Protein backbone atom coordinates (compact mmCIF):
# COMPACT_ATOMS: atom_id res chain seq x y z
CA UNK A 1 89.85 65.23 104.22
CA UNK A 2 93.55 65.23 103.42
CA UNK A 3 95.67 66.70 106.20
CA UNK A 4 98.94 68.38 105.35
CA UNK A 5 101.56 69.24 107.95
CA UNK A 6 103.67 72.38 107.90
CA UNK A 7 105.19 72.10 104.41
CA UNK A 8 105.23 75.82 103.69
CA UNK A 9 105.87 78.99 105.66
CA UNK A 10 103.17 81.32 104.31
CA UNK A 11 99.82 80.65 102.64
CA UNK A 12 98.73 83.48 100.33
CA UNK A 13 95.08 83.62 99.29
CA UNK A 14 94.42 85.51 96.05
CA UNK A 15 96.67 85.63 92.97
CA UNK A 16 96.02 89.14 91.71
CA UNK A 17 98.89 91.65 91.51
CA UNK A 18 99.02 92.00 95.31
CA UNK A 19 99.14 88.28 96.11
CA UNK A 20 101.64 87.71 93.31
CA UNK A 21 103.86 90.51 94.65
CA UNK A 22 103.72 89.09 98.18
CA UNK A 23 104.72 85.67 96.87
CA UNK A 24 107.47 87.13 94.68
CA UNK A 25 109.09 89.03 97.54
CA UNK A 26 108.83 86.07 99.91
CA UNK A 27 110.40 83.72 97.37
CA UNK A 28 113.10 86.30 96.61
CA UNK A 29 113.87 86.25 100.32
CA UNK A 30 114.08 82.44 100.30
CA UNK A 31 110.78 81.83 102.11
CA UNK A 32 108.49 78.94 101.13
CA UNK A 33 104.94 79.91 100.24
CA UNK A 34 101.81 78.56 98.59
CA UNK A 35 99.70 80.85 96.43
CA UNK A 36 96.08 79.78 95.87
CA UNK A 37 93.28 81.36 93.88
CA UNK A 38 89.70 80.18 93.45
CA UNK A 39 89.67 81.28 89.79
CA UNK A 40 90.68 78.61 87.29
CA UNK A 41 92.37 81.09 84.94
CA UNK A 42 93.67 84.64 84.86
CA UNK A 43 90.89 87.10 83.98
CA UNK A 44 91.37 89.02 80.70
CA UNK A 45 90.32 92.36 82.19
CA UNK A 46 92.22 95.64 82.00
CA UNK A 47 91.01 96.68 85.45
CA UNK A 48 93.96 98.34 87.19
CA UNK A 49 96.10 99.85 84.41
CA UNK A 50 98.27 102.53 86.05
CA UNK A 51 101.72 101.63 87.37
CA UNK A 52 103.38 104.22 89.57
CA UNK A 53 107.12 105.04 89.61
CA UNK A 54 107.47 103.74 93.19
CA UNK A 55 106.12 100.35 92.14
CA UNK A 56 108.63 100.25 89.29
CA UNK A 57 111.42 100.93 91.79
CA UNK A 58 110.29 97.97 93.90
CA UNK A 59 110.18 95.74 90.83
CA UNK A 60 113.65 96.99 89.88
CA UNK A 61 114.98 95.81 93.24
CA UNK A 62 113.44 92.40 92.45
CA UNK A 63 114.87 92.29 88.93
CA UNK A 64 111.45 92.38 87.24
CA UNK A 65 111.28 95.93 85.94
CA UNK A 66 112.81 95.45 82.49
CA UNK A 67 110.01 93.12 81.39
CA UNK A 68 107.40 95.61 82.62
CA UNK A 69 109.02 98.56 80.85
CA UNK A 70 109.11 96.65 77.58
CA UNK A 71 105.39 95.81 77.82
CA UNK A 72 103.95 99.10 79.15
CA UNK A 73 103.30 102.52 77.62
CA UNK A 74 104.17 105.88 79.21
CA UNK A 75 101.57 108.01 80.99
CA UNK A 76 102.52 111.67 80.80
CA UNK A 77 99.39 113.44 81.98
CA UNK A 78 95.68 114.05 81.58
CA UNK A 79 93.58 116.54 79.64
CA UNK A 80 90.30 117.70 81.14
CA UNK A 81 87.50 118.84 78.84
CA UNK A 82 84.35 120.45 80.21
CA UNK A 83 81.38 120.92 77.91
CA UNK A 84 83.57 120.39 74.87
CA UNK A 85 86.41 122.77 75.78
CA UNK A 86 89.80 122.07 77.28
CA UNK A 87 89.68 123.24 80.89
CA UNK A 88 92.89 121.89 82.44
CA UNK A 89 96.03 119.94 81.65
CA UNK A 90 97.70 117.89 84.38
CA UNK A 91 101.31 117.10 83.48
CA UNK A 92 102.89 114.18 85.35
CA UNK A 93 106.48 115.39 85.32
CA UNK A 94 109.20 114.21 87.67
CA UNK A 95 112.81 115.39 88.03
CA UNK A 96 115.57 113.41 86.28
CA UNK A 97 116.83 111.82 89.50
CA UNK A 98 113.60 109.77 89.61
CA UNK A 99 114.46 106.75 87.48
CA UNK A 100 111.00 105.91 86.16
CA UNK A 101 107.94 107.77 84.97
CA UNK A 102 104.27 106.78 85.09
CA UNK A 103 103.18 103.79 83.02
CA UNK A 104 100.03 102.06 81.82
CA UNK A 105 99.69 98.31 81.47
CA UNK A 106 96.52 96.18 81.56
CA UNK A 107 96.13 94.20 84.76
CA UNK A 108 96.15 90.89 82.90
CA UNK A 109 99.60 91.75 81.52
CA UNK A 110 100.87 92.79 84.95
CA UNK A 111 99.69 89.47 86.34
CA UNK A 112 101.26 87.54 83.46
CA UNK A 113 104.66 89.12 84.07
CA UNK A 114 104.49 88.55 87.83
CA UNK A 115 103.42 84.93 87.28
CA UNK A 116 106.39 84.33 84.97
CA UNK A 117 108.77 85.92 87.51
CA UNK A 118 107.34 83.79 90.30
CA UNK A 119 107.55 80.63 88.18
CA UNK A 120 111.24 81.39 87.69
CA UNK A 121 111.59 81.20 91.47
CA UNK A 122 109.90 77.81 91.52
CA UNK A 123 106.37 78.73 92.62
CA UNK A 124 103.18 78.24 90.58
CA UNK A 125 99.67 79.47 91.31
CA UNK A 126 97.35 76.73 92.58
CA UNK A 127 94.31 77.69 90.53
CA UNK A 128 90.80 76.56 91.28
CA UNK A 129 91.73 76.26 94.95
CA UNK A 130 89.50 78.05 97.43
CA UNK A 131 90.00 78.96 101.08
CA UNK A 132 86.93 77.69 102.91
CA UNK A 133 87.87 78.61 106.48
CA UNK A 134 90.75 78.93 108.91
CA UNK A 135 91.51 79.09 112.61
CA UNK A 136 94.65 80.28 114.34
CA UNK A 137 96.40 79.76 117.64
CA UNK A 138 99.64 81.15 119.10
CA UNK A 139 101.71 78.64 117.11
CA UNK A 140 100.18 78.80 113.65
CA UNK A 141 97.18 78.75 111.33
CA UNK A 142 95.03 75.80 110.27
CA UNK A 143 93.45 76.46 106.88
CA UNK A 144 90.79 74.41 105.12
CA UNK A 145 91.08 74.44 101.33
CA UNK A 146 89.04 72.98 98.48
CA UNK A 147 91.21 72.08 95.52
CA UNK A 148 90.44 72.22 91.81
CA UNK A 149 89.73 68.49 91.93
CA UNK A 150 87.02 69.08 94.55
CA UNK A 151 88.98 67.53 97.41
CA UNK A 152 89.18 69.15 100.82
CA UNK A 153 92.61 69.75 102.33
CA UNK A 154 93.56 70.83 105.83
CA UNK A 155 96.83 72.74 105.85
CA UNK A 156 98.90 73.86 108.82
CA UNK A 157 101.04 76.98 108.19
CA UNK A 158 102.86 79.52 110.37
CA UNK A 159 101.31 82.56 108.59
CA UNK A 160 98.42 83.47 106.27
CA UNK A 161 98.03 86.54 104.02
CA UNK A 162 94.64 87.47 102.58
CA UNK A 163 94.97 89.17 99.19
CA UNK A 164 91.49 88.01 98.23
CA UNK A 165 89.86 91.30 97.27
CA UNK A 166 87.00 93.47 98.45
CA UNK A 167 84.87 90.48 99.46
CA UNK A 168 87.76 88.88 101.36
CA UNK A 169 87.07 85.65 103.22
CA UNK A 170 90.18 86.28 105.29
CA UNK A 171 89.01 89.73 106.40
CA UNK A 172 85.53 88.49 107.29
CA UNK A 173 86.86 85.52 109.24
CA UNK A 174 89.15 87.79 111.25
CA UNK A 175 86.17 90.01 112.02
CA UNK A 176 87.88 93.20 110.85
CA UNK A 177 85.64 96.20 110.38
CA UNK A 178 85.47 97.67 106.86
CA UNK A 179 84.07 101.13 107.34
CA UNK A 180 83.33 103.59 104.56
CA UNK A 181 80.71 104.37 101.98
CA UNK A 182 79.73 103.92 98.36
CA UNK A 183 79.33 106.20 95.36
CA UNK A 184 75.73 106.30 94.08
CA UNK A 185 76.78 106.15 90.43
CA UNK A 186 77.48 102.98 88.48
CA UNK A 187 80.09 103.03 85.73
CA UNK A 188 80.86 100.89 82.72
CA UNK A 189 84.28 99.94 81.41
CA UNK A 190 85.46 98.89 77.99
CA UNK A 191 88.82 97.85 76.49
CA UNK A 192 88.51 99.13 72.91
CA UNK A 193 90.23 100.50 69.81
CA UNK A 194 89.48 104.10 68.87
CA UNK A 195 90.04 105.50 65.39
CA UNK A 196 90.06 109.04 66.76
CA UNK A 197 90.73 112.59 65.63
CA UNK A 198 91.37 113.94 69.11
CA UNK A 199 94.82 115.37 68.66
CA UNK A 200 95.77 114.25 72.17
CA UNK A 201 99.47 114.43 73.05
CA UNK A 202 101.10 111.01 73.19
CA UNK A 203 100.78 109.36 76.59
CA UNK A 204 97.91 111.55 77.82
CA UNK A 205 94.65 110.32 79.28
CA UNK A 206 91.40 112.11 78.55
CA UNK A 207 88.67 113.12 80.98
CA UNK A 208 85.67 114.79 79.39
CA UNK A 209 82.68 115.97 81.42
CA UNK A 210 79.34 117.56 80.73
CA UNK A 211 78.39 119.85 83.57
CA UNK A 212 74.91 121.00 84.38
CA UNK A 213 73.99 124.56 85.28
CA UNK A 214 74.67 123.86 88.96
CA UNK A 215 78.23 122.77 88.13
CA UNK A 216 77.69 119.05 88.75
CA UNK A 217 79.04 116.53 86.26
CA UNK A 218 76.06 114.63 84.88
CA UNK A 219 78.01 112.84 82.13
CA UNK A 220 81.66 111.72 82.08
CA UNK A 221 84.11 109.89 79.82
CA UNK A 222 87.61 108.77 80.88
CA UNK A 223 90.03 107.25 78.36
CA UNK A 224 93.38 105.79 79.45
CA UNK A 225 95.87 104.73 76.73
CA UNK A 226 96.95 101.10 76.68
CA UNK A 227 99.68 99.28 74.74
CA UNK A 228 98.69 99.01 71.09
CA UNK A 229 97.94 101.77 68.61
CA UNK A 230 94.63 103.44 69.41
CA UNK A 231 93.74 101.12 72.28
CA UNK A 232 92.11 102.61 75.40
CA UNK A 233 90.41 101.55 78.57
CA UNK A 234 87.31 103.71 78.63
CA UNK A 235 85.04 104.32 81.59
CA UNK A 236 81.78 106.26 81.74
CA UNK A 237 78.50 106.45 83.64
CA UNK A 238 76.25 103.53 82.94
CA UNK A 239 72.97 103.99 81.02
CA UNK A 240 69.71 103.13 82.85
CA UNK A 241 69.22 99.85 80.97
CA UNK A 242 72.43 98.44 82.48
CA UNK A 243 71.91 99.40 86.10
CA UNK A 244 70.67 95.87 86.90
CA UNK A 245 68.53 94.88 89.81
CA UNK A 246 70.18 97.31 92.20
CA UNK A 247 70.50 94.61 94.86
CA UNK A 248 73.42 95.09 97.21
CA UNK A 249 75.96 92.27 97.45
CA UNK A 250 75.61 89.86 100.34
CA UNK A 251 78.38 91.50 102.35
CA UNK A 252 77.17 95.04 101.59
CA UNK A 253 80.39 96.00 99.80
CA UNK A 254 79.49 97.37 96.38
CA UNK A 255 82.87 97.51 94.65
CA UNK A 256 84.47 96.14 91.53
CA UNK A 257 83.19 94.47 88.40
CA UNK A 258 79.51 93.56 88.40
CA UNK A 259 78.68 90.01 87.46
CA UNK A 260 75.82 91.14 85.21
CA UNK A 261 75.76 92.08 81.56
CA UNK A 262 78.34 94.60 80.37
CA UNK A 263 77.81 97.30 77.74
CA UNK A 264 78.05 96.54 74.05
CA UNK A 265 80.07 98.57 71.58
CA UNK A 266 77.13 100.76 70.57
CA UNK A 267 76.52 101.83 74.17
CA UNK A 268 80.17 102.84 74.57
CA UNK A 269 80.07 104.59 71.19
CA UNK A 270 77.07 106.70 72.17
CA UNK A 271 78.95 108.18 75.14
CA UNK A 272 82.03 108.83 73.01
CA UNK A 273 79.85 110.59 70.43
CA UNK A 274 78.48 112.88 73.15
CA UNK A 275 81.66 113.67 75.05
CA UNK A 276 84.82 113.05 73.01
CA UNK A 277 86.64 116.24 71.91
CA UNK A 278 86.62 114.99 68.31
CA UNK A 279 85.22 112.21 66.14
CA UNK A 280 86.13 108.67 67.15
CA UNK A 281 84.93 105.32 65.83
CA UNK A 282 85.21 102.42 68.29
CA UNK A 283 85.98 98.82 67.36
CA UNK A 284 87.86 95.79 68.65
CA UNK A 285 86.02 95.47 71.98
CA UNK A 286 88.04 92.98 74.08
CA UNK A 287 85.85 93.09 77.16
CA UNK A 288 83.35 95.32 78.93
CA UNK A 289 81.73 95.38 82.33
CA UNK A 290 79.73 97.42 84.79
CA UNK A 291 81.70 98.77 87.74
CA UNK A 292 80.71 100.00 91.19
CA UNK A 293 82.85 102.06 93.56
CA UNK A 294 83.11 102.11 97.34
CA UNK A 295 85.65 103.61 99.72
CA UNK A 296 86.48 101.54 102.78
CA UNK A 297 89.40 100.60 105.03
CA UNK A 298 89.86 98.04 107.79
CA UNK A 299 90.42 98.96 111.42
CA UNK A 300 93.64 96.92 111.47
CA UNK A 301 95.72 95.13 108.85
CA UNK A 302 95.90 91.83 110.65
CA UNK A 303 95.56 89.88 113.83
CA UNK A 304 97.94 87.33 115.28
CA UNK A 305 99.43 85.32 112.42
CA UNK A 306 96.94 86.43 109.74
CA UNK A 307 97.16 89.61 107.64
CA UNK A 308 95.28 91.37 104.84
CA UNK A 309 96.64 93.44 101.97
CA UNK A 310 95.35 95.27 98.90
CA UNK A 311 91.58 95.42 98.33
CA UNK A 312 91.06 93.09 101.28
CA UNK A 313 92.31 95.98 103.44
CA UNK A 314 91.25 99.12 101.52
CA UNK A 315 89.18 100.09 98.50
CA UNK A 316 88.65 103.50 96.95
CA UNK A 317 87.92 105.27 93.66
CA UNK A 318 90.32 104.42 90.80
CA UNK A 319 91.29 108.09 90.45
CA UNK A 320 95.04 108.40 90.01
CA UNK A 321 95.59 104.62 89.73
CA UNK A 322 96.47 104.31 93.41
CA UNK A 323 94.77 101.06 94.44
CA UNK A 324 96.86 98.29 92.91
CA UNK A 325 100.09 100.18 93.60
CA UNK A 326 99.19 100.74 97.25
CA UNK A 327 98.37 97.04 97.57
CA UNK A 328 101.68 96.00 96.01
CA UNK A 329 103.52 98.18 98.50
CA UNK A 330 101.47 96.58 101.30
CA UNK A 331 102.62 93.18 100.06
CA UNK A 332 106.33 94.05 99.85
CA UNK A 333 106.31 95.77 103.25
CA UNK A 334 104.79 92.71 104.90
CA UNK A 335 106.80 90.12 102.95
CA UNK A 336 110.32 91.26 103.89
CA UNK A 337 109.31 91.43 107.55
CA UNK A 338 107.72 87.98 107.43
CA UNK A 339 110.91 86.68 105.83
CA UNK A 340 113.03 87.92 108.74
CA UNK A 341 110.64 86.36 111.26
CA UNK A 342 110.34 83.03 109.41
CA UNK A 343 114.14 82.77 109.16
CA UNK A 344 114.50 83.54 112.86
CA UNK A 345 116.34 86.82 112.21
CA UNK A 346 113.70 88.99 113.90
CA UNK A 347 111.01 88.55 116.50
CA UNK A 348 107.29 88.07 115.76
CA UNK A 349 106.62 91.51 117.26
CA UNK A 350 108.20 93.05 114.14
CA UNK A 351 105.03 92.16 112.25
CA UNK A 352 103.11 94.76 114.27
CA UNK A 353 105.00 97.41 112.28
CA UNK A 354 103.09 96.33 109.12
CA UNK A 355 99.85 97.84 110.41
CA UNK A 356 101.65 100.78 112.03
CA UNK A 357 103.35 101.73 108.74
CA UNK A 358 100.81 100.79 106.09
CA UNK A 359 97.39 101.62 107.56
CA UNK A 360 98.13 105.40 107.72
CA UNK A 361 99.13 105.16 104.05
CA UNK A 362 95.86 103.42 103.21
CA UNK A 363 93.86 106.05 105.09
CA UNK A 364 95.61 108.86 103.19
CA UNK A 365 95.07 107.19 99.82
CA UNK A 366 91.38 106.55 100.48
CA UNK A 367 90.83 110.17 101.52
CA UNK A 368 92.79 111.62 98.60
CA UNK A 369 91.16 109.48 95.91
CA UNK A 370 87.68 110.27 97.20
CA UNK A 371 88.57 113.96 97.14
CA UNK A 372 89.96 113.75 93.61
CA UNK A 373 86.94 111.77 92.41
CA UNK A 374 84.49 114.33 93.75
CA UNK A 375 86.43 117.58 93.28
CA UNK A 376 88.85 116.79 90.46
CA UNK A 377 92.62 116.33 90.60
CA UNK A 378 93.10 119.74 88.98
CA UNK A 379 91.60 121.35 92.11
CA UNK A 380 94.12 119.77 94.49
CA UNK A 381 95.65 122.57 96.60
CA UNK A 382 99.17 121.09 96.48
CA UNK A 383 101.70 122.51 94.05
CA UNK A 384 102.17 120.52 90.85
CA UNK A 385 105.54 119.06 91.83
CA UNK A 386 104.25 117.79 95.17
CA UNK A 387 101.09 116.47 93.52
CA UNK A 388 103.13 114.54 90.94
CA UNK A 389 105.39 113.08 93.66
CA UNK A 390 102.38 112.08 95.75
CA UNK A 391 100.57 110.48 92.81
CA UNK A 392 103.82 108.64 91.99
CA UNK A 393 103.78 107.35 95.60
CA UNK A 394 107.31 108.70 96.08
CA UNK A 395 106.28 110.58 99.25
CA UNK A 396 105.16 107.47 101.14
CA UNK A 397 107.16 107.40 104.34
CA UNK A 398 107.23 106.03 107.86
CA UNK A 399 109.03 108.70 109.90
CA UNK A 400 106.48 108.25 112.68
CA UNK A 401 106.59 104.46 112.47
CA UNK A 402 108.02 102.15 115.12
CA UNK A 403 111.14 101.28 113.07
CA UNK A 404 112.28 104.82 112.30
CA UNK A 405 115.11 106.10 114.45
CA UNK A 406 115.75 109.73 115.23
CA UNK A 407 116.74 112.26 112.57
CA UNK A 408 120.31 113.21 111.86
CA UNK A 409 121.76 115.95 109.67
CA UNK A 410 119.83 118.65 107.77
CA UNK A 411 116.10 118.60 108.40
CA UNK A 412 115.41 118.61 104.65
CA UNK A 413 117.64 115.56 104.11
CA UNK A 414 116.18 112.05 103.70
CA UNK A 415 115.56 110.70 107.19
CA UNK A 416 114.74 107.24 108.60
CA UNK A 417 111.37 106.14 107.26
CA UNK A 418 111.65 108.15 104.03
CA UNK A 419 112.12 106.65 100.58
CA UNK A 420 115.81 106.21 99.82
CA UNK A 421 116.32 108.41 96.73
CA UNK A 422 117.82 106.89 93.64
CA UNK A 423 120.78 108.68 92.08
CA UNK A 424 123.06 108.26 89.11
CA UNK A 425 126.77 108.76 88.53
CA UNK A 426 128.18 106.01 90.78
CA UNK A 427 131.32 104.46 89.32
CA UNK A 428 133.63 101.53 89.88
CA UNK A 429 137.26 101.38 88.65
CA UNK A 430 136.49 98.65 86.11
CA UNK A 431 133.05 99.76 84.86
CA UNK A 432 133.15 102.01 81.80
CA UNK A 433 129.89 103.83 82.47
CA UNK A 434 128.17 105.19 85.57
CA UNK A 435 125.63 103.24 87.59
CA UNK A 436 122.43 104.22 89.35
CA UNK A 437 121.98 103.39 93.02
CA UNK A 438 119.17 101.04 91.95
CA UNK A 439 121.72 99.16 89.85
CA UNK A 440 123.84 98.71 92.98
CA UNK A 441 120.89 97.56 95.11
CA UNK A 442 119.30 95.28 92.48
CA UNK A 443 119.31 91.63 93.49
CA UNK A 444 120.29 92.32 97.11
CA UNK A 445 117.34 90.94 99.11
CA UNK A 446 118.33 92.26 102.53
CA UNK A 447 119.37 95.49 104.21
CA UNK A 448 122.23 97.48 102.69
CA UNK A 449 124.48 99.90 104.61
CA UNK A 450 125.97 102.81 102.62
CA UNK A 451 128.97 104.45 104.32
CA UNK A 452 129.81 107.87 102.85
CA UNK A 453 133.03 109.73 103.53
CA UNK A 454 136.22 111.09 101.95
CA UNK A 455 138.60 109.10 104.14
CA UNK A 456 138.81 105.42 103.24
CA UNK A 457 140.57 104.69 106.52
CA UNK A 458 137.67 106.22 108.47
CA UNK A 459 135.16 104.22 106.42
CA UNK A 460 137.08 101.02 107.09
CA UNK A 461 137.28 101.77 110.81
CA UNK A 462 133.52 102.40 110.97
CA UNK A 463 132.80 99.13 109.16
CA UNK A 464 135.16 97.22 111.48
CA UNK A 465 133.74 98.82 114.65
CA UNK A 466 130.18 98.10 113.56
CA UNK A 467 131.01 94.47 112.77
CA UNK A 468 132.72 94.03 116.15
CA UNK A 469 130.00 95.76 118.19
CA UNK A 470 127.02 94.26 116.35
CA UNK A 471 128.61 90.90 115.67
CA UNK A 472 125.90 88.81 117.33
CA UNK A 473 123.13 90.69 115.54
CA UNK A 474 124.89 90.73 112.18
CA UNK A 475 125.39 86.98 112.38
CA UNK A 476 121.62 86.64 112.65
CA UNK A 477 120.69 89.45 110.24
CA UNK A 478 123.21 89.70 107.40
CA UNK A 479 123.87 93.23 106.17
CA UNK A 480 125.56 94.19 102.90
CA UNK A 481 128.04 97.03 103.53
CA UNK A 482 129.07 99.36 100.67
CA UNK A 483 131.21 102.49 100.69
CA UNK A 484 130.66 105.68 98.70
CA UNK A 485 133.53 108.13 98.20
CA UNK A 486 132.91 111.73 97.11
CA UNK A 487 134.03 112.66 93.62
CA UNK A 488 136.96 114.76 94.90
CA UNK A 489 138.52 111.83 96.77
CA UNK A 490 141.92 110.71 95.46
CA UNK A 491 142.03 107.39 93.56
CA UNK A 492 144.25 105.88 96.24
CA UNK A 493 141.52 106.56 98.78
CA UNK A 494 139.43 103.78 97.28
CA UNK A 495 141.30 100.92 98.91
CA UNK A 496 138.96 99.41 101.51
CA UNK A 497 139.34 95.75 102.45
CA UNK A 498 136.29 93.50 102.07
CA UNK A 499 133.94 96.43 101.27
CA UNK A 500 132.94 97.39 97.69
CA UNK A 501 133.74 101.07 97.06
CA UNK A 502 131.76 103.27 94.68
CA UNK A 503 132.67 106.81 93.74
CA UNK A 504 130.03 109.56 93.66
CA UNK A 505 131.47 110.78 90.35
CA UNK A 506 128.51 112.99 89.46
CA UNK A 507 128.00 114.33 92.99
CA UNK A 508 124.39 113.12 92.87
CA UNK A 509 124.56 111.00 96.00
CA UNK A 510 125.82 113.98 98.01
CA UNK A 511 123.21 116.31 96.47
CA UNK A 512 120.26 114.03 97.21
CA UNK A 513 121.31 112.48 100.54
CA UNK A 514 122.87 115.64 102.01
CA UNK A 515 125.43 113.80 104.17
CA UNK A 516 126.58 115.75 107.20
CA UNK A 517 130.26 114.99 106.84
CA UNK A 518 131.06 111.28 107.08
CA UNK A 519 127.60 109.73 107.27
CA UNK A 520 126.12 106.25 107.20
CA UNK A 521 122.77 105.12 105.80
CA UNK A 522 120.88 101.82 105.93
CA UNK A 523 118.39 100.98 103.17
CA UNK A 524 115.61 98.51 103.91
CA UNK A 525 114.59 95.71 101.51
CA UNK A 526 111.61 97.83 100.42
CA UNK A 527 113.81 100.81 99.51
CA UNK A 528 112.99 102.96 102.56
CA UNK A 529 115.73 104.39 104.78
CA UNK A 530 116.11 102.42 107.98
CA UNK A 531 118.78 104.56 109.63
CA UNK A 532 120.96 107.65 109.14
CA UNK A 533 123.88 108.34 111.47
CA UNK A 534 127.29 109.99 111.88
CA UNK A 535 129.94 107.55 110.79
CA UNK A 536 131.59 107.64 114.19
CA UNK A 537 128.33 106.39 115.68
CA UNK A 538 127.78 103.61 113.15
CA UNK A 539 128.03 100.81 115.68
CA UNK A 540 125.47 102.33 118.05
CA UNK A 541 123.05 103.29 115.25
CA UNK A 542 123.18 99.87 113.61
CA UNK A 543 122.79 98.16 116.95
CA UNK A 544 119.72 100.28 117.78
CA UNK A 545 118.05 99.53 114.46
CA UNK A 546 118.85 95.83 114.40
CA UNK A 547 117.51 95.46 117.92
CA UNK A 548 114.37 97.40 116.92
CA UNK A 549 113.55 94.63 114.46
CA UNK A 550 113.04 92.31 117.41
CA UNK A 551 111.61 94.86 119.85
CA UNK A 552 108.00 94.79 120.99
CA UNK A 553 105.96 97.06 118.71
CA UNK A 554 103.05 98.78 120.38
């Protein structure tokens, strides 16, 4: 067996969207990683197709979003038909300050774009390479791999991330519990063309049900638009002849694509003939499979130097396209923290905040998707605006997490732990047009401090005091400092040495951030607010937060 010393900082197992995102964020942060996957090639399956606005914001920060937007199609809502009649219309509408809407893109295209981005950072997937086992000790992880050539390799790494799906070897080796249940129904999926006379609005998905006298849905068809005229990913209950042997998988987790025979075009067509709101002729079947659904979540997202993310940590119904997006956010949350620890800019205890922040999110998503799958999204008690924001994953926050400091300013203002809102209308003296805040943050891998106030002298004093007071911490954890002047500030007020100054020309920053006078904000690498403070207390607030990154997390 070949033995390899510590030649990389993080080993990532599984090269789906979650593992790719973890690798992309680590490489963006300058951290070495190896990404292995037992599959010899990317699978051509349109499994996870929904991309949420929050995921697009994360990819914008990375510099990946343009390629995704050019490849995807918009998702504007869903029409529900019951027994042939339109029963509800869910409109996925967000206010203009949210930079991106909902999108649909086949998983194989998402993976292709992430692979290309990662290759541009110098990292390739090691395909056909399987994790056989691992052990860990206080100083690192020893992993045993089998390469595509059939050779065994022993690798020593500081950290390991398991993004290896519902049947995760990493999760099982750690001994994490995976509690939950399974839906009794089996579904079939197909990626097809539909020559249809449905009259559906552009960008709308279709859900059509037949309900029995007792109100239960005994037949269902779901069609999600994909890139390409008339192309859909269709899902429906499986006919009896495709239910297979009914044997449970070895680990008892019935979830994901079944390895057995998938439906043919005629079997998909028969369901469409029964349930579609108008005539439709199917053709161009790219792939089809049988699908089973469970809902489970681990008792903890890691142990020691080993972590799990995505389906290895939580699985649930595909309702609302929450799974892949939740996993990608897991990956980014963990990756920027690992980067700080690997670079020696934060203590190992920071990694405890990954479970503290992300497991409550996973629990909420599992509960909500099960509820929507059994009761219907249209029956959600939340108002439509809140529902759209929640489905977009824009309400994910960590106010109760170990890194969130105390609130400051109006209670309805963004507080530490909340998503940092995007806004438009920021200007520079030389730029002809306005910028969005995401434009300003794009390409900055670390934390960014935004100092807002009308007095450039006061802003400069706050920046100087913070640098002097937090000098030892800032030397170890670099922080980009930017200033934002209100639109009514005089042009001469923009002179601030060594600090870029943006003007809130449209007043959007003030409207969305609700600064309480001269106010400072710190934005984390994952786009969440780290701190909010009065400008006069900038030094103390920054010191508290920077020290929290190294504090013991319980």
